[in-house]
Protein backbone atom coordinates (compact mmCIF):
# COMPACT_ATOMS: atom_id res chain seq x y z
CA MET A 1 -53.93 74.81 -11.79
CA LYS A 2 -53.51 74.58 -8.08
CA ILE A 3 -54.90 71.05 -8.10
CA LYS A 4 -52.43 70.00 -10.86
CA TYR A 5 -49.53 71.51 -8.94
CA LEU A 6 -50.49 69.60 -5.81
CA ASN A 7 -50.79 66.32 -7.69
CA ARG A 8 -47.39 66.82 -9.28
CA LYS A 9 -45.84 67.63 -5.88
CA ASN A 10 -47.43 64.52 -4.36
CA THR A 11 -46.07 62.44 -7.20
CA ILE A 12 -42.52 63.75 -6.75
CA VAL A 13 -42.66 63.10 -3.05
CA ALA A 14 -43.96 59.52 -3.52
CA VAL A 15 -41.11 58.85 -5.98
CA CYS A 16 -38.56 60.22 -3.51
CA VAL A 17 -39.97 58.07 -0.73
CA LEU A 18 -39.93 54.94 -2.86
CA THR A 19 -36.35 55.63 -3.96
CA ALA A 20 -35.21 56.16 -0.39
CA GLY A 21 -36.87 52.94 0.64
CA TRP A 22 -35.25 50.97 -2.11
CA LEU A 23 -31.82 52.38 -1.12
CA VAL A 24 -32.40 51.39 2.47
CA MET A 25 -33.41 47.83 1.50
CA ALA A 26 -30.38 47.52 -0.79
CA VAL A 27 -28.01 48.67 1.97
CA ASN A 28 -29.65 46.23 4.48
CA ALA A 29 -29.30 43.38 2.03
CA GLU A 30 -25.66 44.17 1.32
CA ASP A 31 -24.97 44.41 5.04
CA LYS A 32 -26.58 41.04 5.70
CA LYS A 33 -24.60 39.48 2.83
CA SER A 34 -21.37 40.92 4.26
CA LYS A 35 -22.16 39.61 7.76
CA LYS A 36 -22.91 36.09 6.38
CA LYS A 37 -19.63 36.15 4.45
CA GLN A 38 -17.73 37.15 7.53
CA GLU A 39 -19.37 34.42 9.62
CA ALA A 40 -18.51 31.85 6.88
CA GLN A 41 -14.89 33.08 6.74
CA PRO A 42 -13.88 34.48 10.08
CA GLY A 43 -10.59 36.37 10.26
CA ILE A 44 -8.15 37.07 7.49
CA SER A 45 -5.09 35.09 8.65
CA PRO A 46 -3.87 32.37 6.33
CA VAL A 47 -4.59 28.72 6.94
CA VAL A 48 -1.77 27.06 8.92
CA VAL A 49 -1.18 23.38 8.23
CA PRO A 50 -0.04 21.47 11.38
CA ALA A 51 3.62 20.57 11.39
CA ALA A 52 2.80 16.87 11.53
CA LYS A 53 0.86 17.12 8.24
CA LEU A 54 3.53 19.09 6.54
CA GLY A 55 6.03 16.47 7.62
CA ALA A 56 3.87 13.67 6.21
CA LYS A 57 3.50 15.42 2.89
CA GLN A 58 7.16 16.23 2.66
CA SER A 59 8.07 12.65 3.57
CA ALA A 60 5.70 11.39 0.80
CA ARG A 61 7.35 13.72 -1.72
CA GLU A 62 10.83 12.48 -0.72
CA THR A 63 9.87 8.76 -0.99
CA LYS A 64 11.49 7.31 -4.10
CA PRO A 65 10.67 4.07 -5.87
CA ILE A 66 13.11 1.34 -4.94
CA PHE A 67 13.85 0.80 -8.65
CA TYR A 68 13.17 2.13 -12.18
CA PRO A 69 11.33 1.72 -14.42
CA GLU A 70 8.45 1.64 -11.94
CA LEU A 71 5.85 -1.14 -12.23
CA THR A 72 2.98 -0.42 -14.58
CA LYS A 73 -0.66 -0.60 -13.40
CA SER A 74 -0.95 -4.06 -14.85
CA GLU A 75 2.28 -5.23 -13.12
CA LEU A 76 1.16 -3.69 -9.81
CA LYS A 77 -2.19 -5.60 -10.09
CA ILE A 78 -0.27 -8.85 -10.69
CA GLN A 79 2.09 -8.20 -7.84
CA GLN A 80 -0.74 -7.48 -5.43
CA ALA A 81 -2.44 -10.73 -6.47
CA LEU A 82 0.79 -12.67 -5.90
CA ASN A 83 0.97 -11.30 -2.39
CA THR A 84 -2.70 -12.03 -1.67
CA GLU A 85 -3.51 -15.03 0.53
CA THR A 86 -5.29 -17.86 -1.22
CA GLU A 87 -6.47 -21.43 -0.70
CA CYS A 88 -6.82 -24.50 -2.91
CA ASP A 89 -7.59 -28.20 -2.68
CA PHE A 90 -6.33 -30.13 -5.71
CA SER A 91 -6.12 -33.87 -6.02
CA GLU A 92 -4.51 -35.16 -9.21
CA SER A 93 -5.86 -32.11 -11.10
CA PRO A 94 -4.42 -31.28 -14.54
CA LEU A 95 -1.94 -28.41 -14.42
CA SER A 96 -3.93 -26.44 -17.00
CA ASP A 97 -7.07 -26.69 -14.87
CA VAL A 98 -5.20 -25.60 -11.73
CA VAL A 99 -3.76 -22.51 -13.52
CA ALA A 100 -7.20 -21.60 -14.87
CA PHE A 101 -8.72 -21.92 -11.39
CA LEU A 102 -6.13 -19.63 -9.73
CA ALA A 103 -6.36 -17.08 -12.56
CA ASP A 104 -10.15 -16.89 -12.18
CA ARG A 105 -9.98 -16.74 -8.42
CA HIS A 106 -7.55 -13.78 -8.38
CA GLY A 107 -8.85 -11.98 -11.48
CA ILE A 108 -5.51 -12.11 -13.41
CA THR A 109 -4.22 -13.75 -16.55
CA LEU A 110 -1.79 -16.62 -16.16
CA LEU A 111 -0.03 -17.55 -19.44
CA LEU A 112 1.22 -21.15 -19.75
CA LEU A 113 4.13 -21.20 -22.17
CA GLU A 114 3.24 -24.59 -23.70
CA ASN A 115 6.06 -24.49 -26.31
CA LYS A 116 8.67 -24.14 -23.60
CA MET A 117 7.03 -26.93 -21.64
CA LYS A 118 7.17 -29.26 -24.58
CA GLU A 119 10.91 -28.64 -24.98
CA GLU A 120 11.41 -30.05 -21.46
CA GLY A 121 8.89 -32.83 -21.85
CA ILE A 122 6.33 -31.27 -19.50
CA SER A 123 2.60 -31.71 -20.23
CA LEU A 124 -0.35 -29.49 -19.64
CA ASP A 125 -1.96 -32.49 -17.95
CA GLU A 126 0.72 -32.82 -15.30
CA PRO A 127 -1.17 -33.97 -12.13
CA VAL A 128 -1.24 -31.54 -9.28
CA SER A 129 -2.13 -32.48 -5.68
CA LEU A 130 -2.08 -29.69 -3.10
CA SER A 131 -4.34 -28.59 -0.29
CA VAL A 132 -3.44 -25.34 1.53
CA LYS A 133 -5.02 -22.17 2.72
CA GLY A 134 -3.90 -18.85 4.20
CA ILE A 135 -0.69 -18.51 2.23
CA ALA A 136 0.30 -16.12 -0.53
CA LEU A 137 -0.51 -16.95 -4.13
CA LYS A 138 3.18 -16.69 -5.04
CA ASN A 139 4.04 -19.43 -2.52
CA VAL A 140 1.20 -21.65 -3.81
CA LEU A 141 2.59 -21.28 -7.33
CA GLU A 142 6.06 -22.28 -6.12
CA LEU A 143 4.64 -25.36 -4.34
CA ILE A 144 2.80 -26.38 -7.51
CA LEU A 145 5.48 -25.64 -10.09
CA GLU A 146 8.80 -26.44 -8.28
CA PRO A 147 8.32 -30.28 -8.32
CA ILE A 148 7.98 -30.24 -12.10
CA ASP A 149 10.92 -27.89 -12.73
CA MET A 150 8.69 -24.90 -13.57
CA THR A 151 8.28 -21.43 -12.18
CA TYR A 152 6.49 -18.15 -12.82
CA LEU A 153 7.68 -14.64 -13.72
CA VAL A 154 6.16 -11.29 -14.51
CA ASP A 155 7.37 -10.23 -18.00
CA ARG A 156 5.94 -7.52 -20.22
CA GLU A 157 2.88 -7.00 -18.00
CA VAL A 158 1.99 -10.73 -18.13
CA LEU A 159 2.29 -13.45 -15.43
CA LYS A 160 3.94 -16.31 -17.32
CA ILE A 161 4.21 -19.95 -16.23
CA THR A 162 7.29 -21.50 -17.83
CA THR A 163 10.22 -23.83 -17.21
CA ARG A 164 12.98 -22.93 -14.86
CA ILE A 165 15.46 -23.16 -17.73
CA ASP A 166 13.50 -20.61 -19.76
CA ALA A 167 13.04 -18.27 -16.77
CA SER A 168 16.74 -18.34 -16.07
CA GLU A 169 17.42 -16.99 -19.58
CA ILE A 170 15.10 -13.99 -19.36
CA TYR A 171 16.94 -10.92 -18.07
CA GLN A 172 15.42 -7.65 -17.00
CA THR A 173 17.37 -4.44 -16.44
CA ARG A 174 16.48 -2.19 -13.52
CA VAL A 175 18.04 0.91 -12.06
CA TYR A 176 18.34 0.99 -8.26
CA PRO A 177 18.87 4.36 -6.53
CA VAL A 178 21.38 3.82 -3.71
CA GLY A 179 22.57 7.34 -2.94
CA ASP A 180 21.07 7.10 0.56
CA PHE A 181 23.80 4.54 1.43
CA GLY A 182 26.54 6.98 0.42
CA ASN A 183 28.27 8.00 -2.80
CA THR A 184 31.84 6.78 -2.41
CA PRO A 185 33.50 4.04 -4.44
CA GLU A 186 33.81 1.93 -1.24
CA VAL A 187 30.05 2.04 -0.68
CA TYR A 188 29.27 0.90 -4.24
CA LEU A 189 31.85 -1.88 -3.96
CA GLU A 190 30.40 -3.08 -0.69
CA LEU A 191 26.83 -3.07 -2.06
CA GLY A 192 27.93 -4.82 -5.26
CA SER A 193 29.90 -7.41 -3.35
CA THR A 194 26.96 -8.09 -0.99
CA ILE A 195 24.59 -8.58 -3.92
CA THR A 196 26.80 -10.77 -6.13
CA LYS A 197 28.12 -13.02 -3.37
CA HIS A 198 24.64 -14.51 -2.66
CA LEU A 199 23.57 -17.25 -5.07
CA SER A 200 19.96 -16.63 -4.25
CA LEU A 201 20.38 -13.26 -5.94
CA GLY A 202 21.20 -14.89 -9.25
CA PHE A 203 24.31 -15.86 -11.26
CA TRP A 204 26.77 -13.22 -12.19
CA TYR A 205 29.49 -12.64 -14.78
CA GLU A 206 32.97 -13.17 -13.42
CA GLY A 207 35.15 -10.14 -14.07
CA ILE A 208 38.41 -10.47 -16.07
CA HIS A 209 41.24 -8.10 -15.30
CA TYR A 210 41.16 -5.24 -17.84
CA ASN A 211 42.89 -1.88 -17.51
CA PRO A 212 41.83 0.76 -20.04
CA PHE A 213 44.28 3.20 -18.42
CA PRO A 214 47.89 2.18 -19.24
CA GLY A 215 50.28 2.67 -16.38
CA ILE A 216 47.57 2.82 -13.74
CA GLN A 217 47.72 0.28 -10.96
CA GLY A 218 44.32 -0.96 -9.63
CA GLY A 219 43.47 -0.80 -6.03
CA ALA A 220 41.54 -3.26 -3.94
CA GLU A 221 39.63 -5.96 -5.80
CA GLY A 222 35.99 -5.25 -6.19
CA SER A 223 32.94 -7.48 -6.63
CA GLY A 224 33.67 -8.39 -10.24
CA PHE A 225 32.29 -5.33 -11.99
CA PHE A 226 34.65 -2.47 -11.15
CA GLN A 227 37.70 -1.64 -9.06
CA VAL A 228 38.92 1.37 -7.08
CA ILE A 229 41.95 3.11 -8.60
CA SER A 230 44.48 4.59 -6.25
CA ASN A 231 46.65 6.81 -8.32
CA SER A 232 47.70 10.50 -8.05
CA ASN A 233 47.06 10.99 -11.78
CA PHE A 234 43.37 10.28 -11.39
CA PRO A 235 40.72 11.69 -9.05
CA GLU A 236 40.56 10.10 -5.62
CA GLY A 237 38.28 7.10 -5.57
CA CYS A 238 38.13 6.75 -9.33
CA LEU A 239 36.56 3.48 -10.50
CA ARG A 240 38.10 1.12 -13.00
CA PRO A 241 35.62 -0.80 -15.27
CA ARG A 242 35.85 -4.58 -15.65
CA ARG A 243 35.44 -6.73 -18.75
CA TYR A 244 33.19 -9.80 -18.45
CA GLU A 245 33.37 -13.39 -19.65
CA GLU A 246 30.92 -14.09 -22.47
CA ARG A 247 28.29 -16.34 -20.93
CA ASP A 248 24.68 -16.04 -19.67
CA ALA A 249 24.64 -14.28 -16.36
CA GLY A 250 23.66 -11.05 -14.72
CA THR A 251 25.63 -7.78 -14.70
CA ILE A 252 25.83 -4.91 -12.26
CA SER A 253 27.33 -1.50 -12.98
CA LEU A 254 27.61 1.87 -11.34
CA VAL A 255 26.25 5.28 -12.49
CA ARG A 256 27.59 7.75 -9.96
CA LEU A 257 25.92 10.76 -11.63
CA SER A 258 22.57 9.33 -10.68
CA GLU A 259 23.84 7.56 -7.50
CA SER A 260 22.46 4.25 -8.75
CA LEU A 261 23.27 0.70 -9.61
CA VAL A 262 22.16 -0.70 -13.04
CA ILE A 263 21.40 -4.35 -12.68
CA SER A 264 20.51 -6.96 -15.28
CA GLN A 265 19.14 -10.10 -13.67
CA THR A 266 16.28 -12.54 -13.69
CA TYR A 267 12.84 -11.75 -12.30
CA HIS A 268 13.29 -13.80 -9.10
CA ALA A 269 16.80 -12.43 -8.56
CA HIS A 270 15.47 -8.85 -8.77
CA ASN A 271 12.79 -9.76 -6.18
CA GLU A 272 15.58 -10.90 -3.86
CA ILE A 273 17.63 -7.76 -4.50
CA VAL A 274 14.62 -5.55 -3.64
CA GLU A 275 14.15 -7.50 -0.40
CA LEU A 276 17.87 -7.23 0.53
CA LEU A 277 18.00 -3.45 -0.10
CA THR A 278 14.72 -3.04 1.88
CA GLN A 279 16.12 -4.93 4.90
CA LEU A 280 19.45 -2.97 4.73
CA ARG A 281 17.51 0.30 4.77
CA ARG A 282 15.37 -0.83 7.75
CA ILE A 283 18.49 -1.72 9.69
CA ARG A 284 20.06 1.68 8.97
CA ALA A 285 16.84 3.37 10.15
CA LEU A 286 17.32 1.82 13.54
CA ASP A 287 20.50 3.82 14.20
């Protein structure tokens, strides 16, 4: 009996020792894990982004597209290709072969509108002679197409090669945010006048006097699309709409709620308007 009692006692002691050892090992392991975590993440203060980085992010968020709707992915690819430098060496090469070469070189699709060309007596075999390098693809296209009364335009996500007459009849509507210039009638009148007075920015409808508010006298003449109304019966700086002659030309109108100009014009006229607004903003940034 004494021997059994001693064996049982030894067994209990051994179990206690093993349990204590396991607890010590677990505590040590947890302690090591905690130390590693602290070393990996020292301190508890929040991450502070430098002011310069915050400013850059904020600036990026505040940057708005110069017009709406924004270009699609396909249109952006085409626009990038048009701005890419290229080179060519053509000698009496057929126009169709020249277009195919440039399309393959820049990885884009150039669509020749053959039916429009036939209307103007222009053949796909028109000879092209041009040797240049280091200039943008858009300028190469102009050098090739201008002598035969043709041009290019981006329309419905396709780069089209067509006649100048056809291109002049294709109008696209864009919305240009201009609130950064100011939101008074005078600002819109000045912007509209600046845009419509330049022939390189397209042809515009000529406004006809039209007063939808009987008894109201119009103020200073505008740029052909609206006028300022100076009358105590209407809010200060109210704008009077204009009626247009019925003929093919661009239009420009004001939406003060969105601080924008809605412009209907040809592809190349829109490109010139974008360039004009960009330069005006750069000049204002110098102040």
